[in-house]
Amino acid sequence: MIKRIEAHDLPECLDVIHKSFMTVAEASGLTKENAPTNGAYIPLKRLEDEFQKGTMMYGLYNQQRIVGFIQLKDKGNHIFELGKLAVLPDYRHNGYGKMLLDYAKKNSH
């Protein structure tokens, strides 16, 4: 199930983002020092600020746990910016990323 994220979900979403982005960061030699804006290292405050500014955020749930995340920023004129597509490593290769993208496309008009 995919549903819109609420403010109280943000810490769990951040955990999903960190764990998901960390696999690529480690494989690429990215660290907090040389890539501080990489999703593996973003602080909760940044996610909270984006939420407060109206960025749409969606979580993909497996039972009661968020295992995937996607965000969309409305740039106006029917243009949306996709951000932070993330699926926990243990849940990859199940089509969850595609489900999140399809959901974002369907709900961005």
N, C-alpha and C. Protein backbone atom coordinates (compact mmCIF):
# COMPACT_ATOMS: atom_id res chain seq x y z
N MET A 1 0.84 -1.17 0.00
CA MET A 1 0.00 0.00 0.00
C MET A 1 0.89 1.25 0.00
N ILE A 2 0.51 2.23 -0.76
CA ILE A 2 1.21 3.51 -0.81
C ILE A 2 0.27 4.57 -0.27
N LYS A 3 0.80 5.40 0.62
CA LYS A 3 -0.03 6.49 1.13
C LYS A 3 0.83 7.72 1.40
N ARG A 4 0.15 8.84 1.49
CA ARG A 4 0.82 10.12 1.74
C ARG A 4 1.43 10.12 3.13
N ILE A 5 2.62 10.66 3.22
CA ILE A 5 3.34 10.72 4.48
C ILE A 5 2.80 11.87 5.33
N GLU A 6 2.72 11.63 6.64
CA GLU A 6 2.35 12.67 7.59
C GLU A 6 3.60 13.04 8.39
N ALA A 7 3.55 14.17 9.07
CA ALA A 7 4.72 14.68 9.79
C ALA A 7 5.30 13.65 10.76
N HIS A 8 4.45 12.91 11.44
CA HIS A 8 4.96 11.94 12.42
C HIS A 8 5.68 10.76 11.77
N ASP A 9 5.53 10.59 10.45
CA ASP A 9 6.20 9.51 9.71
C ASP A 9 7.62 9.88 9.28
N LEU A 10 7.98 11.15 9.38
CA LEU A 10 9.26 11.61 8.82
C LEU A 10 10.49 10.91 9.38
N PRO A 11 10.59 10.65 10.69
CA PRO A 11 11.78 9.92 11.16
C PRO A 11 11.92 8.53 10.54
N GLU A 12 10.82 7.81 10.38
CA GLU A 12 10.88 6.50 9.75
C GLU A 12 11.25 6.62 8.27
N CYS A 13 10.75 7.64 7.61
CA CYS A 13 11.10 7.89 6.21
C CYS A 13 12.59 8.19 6.08
N LEU A 14 13.10 8.99 6.99
CA LEU A 14 14.52 9.32 6.96
C LEU A 14 15.37 8.07 7.11
N ASP A 15 14.96 7.16 7.96
CA ASP A 15 15.68 5.91 8.13
C ASP A 15 15.70 5.12 6.81
N VAL A 16 14.57 5.07 6.12
CA VAL A 16 14.50 4.39 4.82
C VAL A 16 15.43 5.07 3.82
N ILE A 17 15.41 6.39 3.77
CA ILE A 17 16.28 7.14 2.85
C ILE A 17 17.74 6.86 3.17
N HIS A 18 18.13 6.98 4.43
CA HIS A 18 19.52 6.75 4.82
C HIS A 18 19.99 5.35 4.43
N LYS A 19 19.23 4.34 4.80
CA LYS A 19 19.63 2.96 4.52
C LYS A 19 19.66 2.68 3.03
N SER A 20 18.73 3.24 2.29
CA SER A 20 18.66 3.00 0.85
C SER A 20 19.80 3.68 0.10
N PHE A 21 20.08 4.92 0.45
CA PHE A 21 21.13 5.67 -0.23
C PHE A 21 22.52 5.23 0.21
N MET A 22 22.63 4.65 1.39
CA MET A 22 23.93 4.25 1.92
C MET A 22 24.58 3.17 1.06
N THR A 23 23.81 2.28 0.48
CA THR A 23 24.41 1.23 -0.34
C THR A 23 25.18 1.82 -1.52
N VAL A 24 24.62 2.83 -2.15
CA VAL A 24 25.29 3.49 -3.28
C VAL A 24 26.44 4.36 -2.78
N ALA A 25 26.23 5.04 -1.67
CA ALA A 25 27.29 5.89 -1.11
C ALA A 25 28.53 5.06 -0.79
N GLU A 26 28.33 3.93 -0.13
CA GLU A 26 29.46 3.08 0.22
C GLU A 26 30.15 2.53 -1.02
N ALA A 27 29.38 2.09 -2.00
CA ALA A 27 29.95 1.54 -3.23
C ALA A 27 30.71 2.59 -4.03
N SER A 28 30.31 3.85 -3.88
CA SER A 28 30.92 4.95 -4.65
C SER A 28 31.97 5.73 -3.86
N GLY A 29 32.20 5.36 -2.63
CA GLY A 29 33.17 6.07 -1.81
C GLY A 29 32.70 7.43 -1.34
N LEU A 30 31.38 7.62 -1.28
CA LEU A 30 30.84 8.89 -0.81
C LEU A 30 30.77 8.89 0.70
N THR A 31 31.15 9.99 1.29
CA THR A 31 31.11 10.14 2.75
C THR A 31 30.35 11.42 3.10
N LYS A 32 30.09 11.58 4.37
CA LYS A 32 29.42 12.80 4.83
C LYS A 32 30.28 14.02 4.53
N GLU A 33 31.58 13.83 4.53
CA GLU A 33 32.50 14.95 4.27
C GLU A 33 32.56 15.33 2.79
N ASN A 34 32.60 14.34 1.89
CA ASN A 34 32.74 14.67 0.47
C ASN A 34 31.41 14.73 -0.29
N ALA A 35 30.32 14.32 0.35
CA ALA A 35 29.01 14.38 -0.30
C ALA A 35 27.91 14.61 0.74
N PRO A 36 27.97 15.73 1.45
CA PRO A 36 27.04 15.96 2.56
C PRO A 36 25.57 16.07 2.16
N THR A 37 25.29 16.35 0.89
CA THR A 37 23.89 16.47 0.47
C THR A 37 23.32 15.15 -0.06
N ASN A 38 24.15 14.11 -0.11
CA ASN A 38 23.66 12.80 -0.54
C ASN A 38 22.59 12.32 0.44
N GLY A 39 21.60 11.63 -0.07
CA GLY A 39 20.50 11.15 0.76
C GLY A 39 20.93 10.30 1.94
N ALA A 40 22.09 9.67 1.85
CA ALA A 40 22.58 8.83 2.95
C ALA A 40 22.89 9.65 4.19
N TYR A 41 23.05 10.96 4.01
CA TYR A 41 23.52 11.79 5.11
C TYR A 41 22.61 12.97 5.47
N ILE A 42 21.48 13.11 4.81
CA ILE A 42 20.66 14.29 5.09
C ILE A 42 20.10 14.25 6.50
N PRO A 43 19.99 15.40 7.13
CA PRO A 43 19.44 15.45 8.49
C PRO A 43 17.90 15.50 8.46
N LEU A 44 17.31 15.11 9.56
CA LEU A 44 15.85 15.14 9.69
C LEU A 44 15.31 16.54 9.43
N LYS A 45 16.01 17.55 9.87
CA LYS A 45 15.56 18.94 9.70
C LYS A 45 15.30 19.27 8.23
N ARG A 46 16.16 18.78 7.35
CA ARG A 46 15.98 19.06 5.92
C ARG A 46 14.69 18.41 5.39
N LEU A 47 14.44 17.18 5.81
CA LEU A 47 13.21 16.51 5.39
C LEU A 47 11.99 17.22 5.96
N GLU A 48 12.07 17.65 7.21
CA GLU A 48 10.97 18.39 7.84
C GLU A 48 10.73 19.71 7.11
N ASP A 49 11.79 20.40 6.74
CA ASP A 49 11.64 21.67 6.01
C ASP A 49 10.96 21.46 4.67
N GLU A 50 11.35 20.42 3.95
CA GLU A 50 10.73 20.12 2.65
C GLU A 50 9.25 19.79 2.84
N PHE A 51 8.94 19.04 3.87
CA PHE A 51 7.55 18.69 4.18
C PHE A 51 6.74 19.96 4.46
N GLN A 52 7.29 20.85 5.27
CA GLN A 52 6.60 22.10 5.63
C GLN A 52 6.38 23.00 4.42
N LYS A 53 7.26 22.92 3.43
CA LYS A 53 7.13 23.73 2.22
C LYS A 53 6.14 23.13 1.22
N GLY A 54 5.55 21.99 1.57
CA GLY A 54 4.53 21.41 0.72
C GLY A 54 4.99 20.32 -0.22
N THR A 55 6.22 19.88 -0.08
CA THR A 55 6.68 18.77 -0.92
C THR A 55 5.82 17.55 -0.61
N MET A 56 5.30 16.92 -1.65
CA MET A 56 4.47 15.73 -1.48
C MET A 56 5.39 14.54 -1.22
N MET A 57 5.08 13.77 -0.21
CA MET A 57 5.88 12.62 0.16
C MET A 57 4.97 11.41 0.32
N TYR A 58 5.44 10.28 -0.21
CA TYR A 58 4.64 9.05 -0.18
C TYR A 58 5.50 7.91 0.34
N GLY A 59 4.88 7.04 1.11
CA GLY A 59 5.56 5.86 1.62
C GLY A 59 4.90 4.60 1.10
N LEU A 60 5.73 3.62 0.79
CA LEU A 60 5.24 2.31 0.41
C LEU A 60 5.36 1.43 1.66
N TYR A 61 4.25 0.86 2.05
CA TYR A 61 4.19 0.09 3.29
C TYR A 61 4.15 -1.40 3.01
N ASN A 62 4.91 -2.13 3.81
CA ASN A 62 4.82 -3.58 3.85
C ASN A 62 4.31 -3.88 5.26
N GLN A 63 3.07 -4.27 5.36
CA GLN A 63 2.35 -4.36 6.62
C GLN A 63 2.35 -2.96 7.25
N GLN A 64 2.92 -2.78 8.42
CA GLN A 64 2.90 -1.46 9.07
C GLN A 64 4.22 -0.71 8.92
N ARG A 65 5.14 -1.25 8.15
CA ARG A 65 6.49 -0.68 8.04
C ARG A 65 6.67 0.03 6.70
N ILE A 66 7.27 1.21 6.74
CA ILE A 66 7.61 1.93 5.50
C ILE A 66 8.88 1.29 4.94
N VAL A 67 8.78 0.80 3.70
CA VAL A 67 9.93 0.15 3.06
C VAL A 67 10.37 0.89 1.80
N GLY A 68 9.56 1.87 1.37
CA GLY A 68 9.89 2.66 0.19
C GLY A 68 9.39 4.07 0.36
N PHE A 69 10.02 4.98 -0.36
CA PHE A 69 9.72 6.41 -0.20
C PHE A 69 9.95 7.11 -1.53
N ILE A 70 9.14 8.14 -1.77
CA ILE A 70 9.32 9.01 -2.94
C ILE A 70 8.78 10.39 -2.59
N GLN A 71 9.36 11.41 -3.18
CA GLN A 71 8.82 12.75 -2.97
C GLN A 71 8.70 13.47 -4.30
N LEU A 72 7.74 14.39 -4.34
CA LEU A 72 7.47 15.20 -5.53
C LEU A 72 7.33 16.66 -5.13
N LYS A 73 8.00 17.51 -5.86
CA LYS A 73 7.85 18.95 -5.66
C LYS A 73 7.11 19.51 -6.87
N ASP A 74 6.06 20.25 -6.61
CA ASP A 74 5.29 20.89 -7.66
C ASP A 74 6.04 22.15 -8.08
N LYS A 75 6.54 22.16 -9.32
CA LYS A 75 7.30 23.29 -9.84
C LYS A 75 6.41 24.26 -10.64
N GLY A 76 5.11 23.96 -10.72
CA GLY A 76 4.18 24.79 -11.48
C GLY A 76 4.08 24.35 -12.93
N ASN A 77 3.04 24.80 -13.60
CA ASN A 77 2.82 24.48 -15.01
C ASN A 77 2.84 22.98 -15.28
N HIS A 78 2.29 22.19 -14.36
CA HIS A 78 2.21 20.73 -14.49
C HIS A 78 3.59 20.07 -14.57
N ILE A 79 4.57 20.68 -13.95
CA ILE A 79 5.92 20.12 -13.89
C ILE A 79 6.21 19.74 -12.44
N PHE A 80 6.67 18.51 -12.25
CA PHE A 80 6.99 18.01 -10.92
C PHE A 80 8.43 17.51 -10.91
N GLU A 81 9.08 17.75 -9.80
CA GLU A 81 10.45 17.27 -9.62
C GLU A 81 10.42 16.05 -8.71
N LEU A 82 10.96 14.96 -9.19
CA LEU A 82 11.03 13.73 -8.42
C LEU A 82 12.25 13.77 -7.52
N GLY A 83 12.11 13.33 -6.29
CA GLY A 83 13.24 13.31 -5.38
C GLY A 83 13.22 12.11 -4.46
N LYS A 84 14.39 11.71 -4.06
CA LYS A 84 14.60 10.70 -3.02
C LYS A 84 13.79 9.42 -3.20
N LEU A 85 13.81 8.88 -4.39
CA LEU A 85 13.21 7.55 -4.60
C LEU A 85 14.08 6.56 -3.86
N ALA A 86 13.50 5.86 -2.89
CA ALA A 86 14.28 4.96 -2.05
C ALA A 86 13.48 3.71 -1.71
N VAL A 87 14.15 2.56 -1.77
CA VAL A 87 13.57 1.29 -1.33
C VAL A 87 14.63 0.61 -0.47
N LEU A 88 14.24 0.14 0.70
CA LEU A 88 15.18 -0.54 1.58
C LEU A 88 15.85 -1.71 0.84
N PRO A 89 17.13 -1.91 1.06
CA PRO A 89 17.85 -2.97 0.34
C PRO A 89 17.19 -4.34 0.41
N ASP A 90 16.65 -4.74 1.55
CA ASP A 90 16.02 -6.06 1.67
C ASP A 90 14.72 -6.19 0.88
N TYR A 91 14.19 -5.08 0.39
CA TYR A 91 12.92 -5.10 -0.34
C TYR A 91 13.08 -4.78 -1.82
N ARG A 92 14.30 -4.67 -2.28
CA ARG A 92 14.55 -4.36 -3.69
C ARG A 92 14.28 -5.59 -4.56
N HIS A 93 14.13 -5.32 -5.85
CA HIS A 93 13.90 -6.36 -6.87
C HIS A 93 12.53 -7.01 -6.72
N ASN A 94 11.58 -6.25 -6.18
CA ASN A 94 10.20 -6.70 -6.05
C ASN A 94 9.24 -5.79 -6.81
N GLY A 95 9.77 -4.85 -7.57
CA GLY A 95 8.93 -3.92 -8.31
C GLY A 95 8.45 -2.73 -7.51
N TYR A 96 8.97 -2.54 -6.29
CA TYR A 96 8.50 -1.46 -5.44
C TYR A 96 8.88 -0.08 -5.98
N GLY A 97 10.05 0.04 -6.54
CA GLY A 97 10.45 1.32 -7.13
C GLY A 97 9.52 1.72 -8.25
N LYS A 98 9.19 0.76 -9.10
CA LYS A 98 8.25 1.02 -10.20
C LYS A 98 6.87 1.39 -9.66
N MET A 99 6.44 0.69 -8.61
CA MET A 99 5.14 1.02 -8.01
C MET A 99 5.13 2.46 -7.52
N LEU A 100 6.21 2.89 -6.88
CA LEU A 100 6.29 4.27 -6.39
C LEU A 100 6.29 5.27 -7.55
N LEU A 101 7.04 4.97 -8.60
CA LEU A 101 7.06 5.87 -9.78
C LEU A 101 5.69 5.94 -10.43
N ASP A 102 5.05 4.80 -10.61
CA ASP A 102 3.72 4.79 -11.22
C ASP A 102 2.72 5.58 -10.37
N TYR A 103 2.81 5.43 -9.06
CA TYR A 103 1.93 6.15 -8.16
C TYR A 103 2.17 7.66 -8.26
N ALA A 104 3.43 8.03 -8.31
CA ALA A 104 3.79 9.46 -8.42
C ALA A 104 3.24 10.04 -9.73
N LYS A 105 3.39 9.31 -10.82
CA LYS A 105 2.88 9.79 -12.12
C LYS A 105 1.36 9.97 -12.06
N LYS A 106 0.69 9.00 -11.48
CA LYS A 106 -0.77 9.04 -11.40
C LYS A 106 -1.27 10.18 -10.53
N ASN A 107 -0.52 10.54 -9.50
CA ASN A 107 -0.98 11.52 -8.52
C ASN A 107 -0.33 12.88 -8.68
N SER A 108 0.31 13.14 -9.80
CA SER A 108 0.98 14.43 -10.00
C SER A 108 0.31 15.22 -11.13
N HIS A 109 -0.97 15.40 -11.01
CA HIS A 109 -1.67 16.24 -12.00
C HIS A 109 -2.67 17.13 -11.36
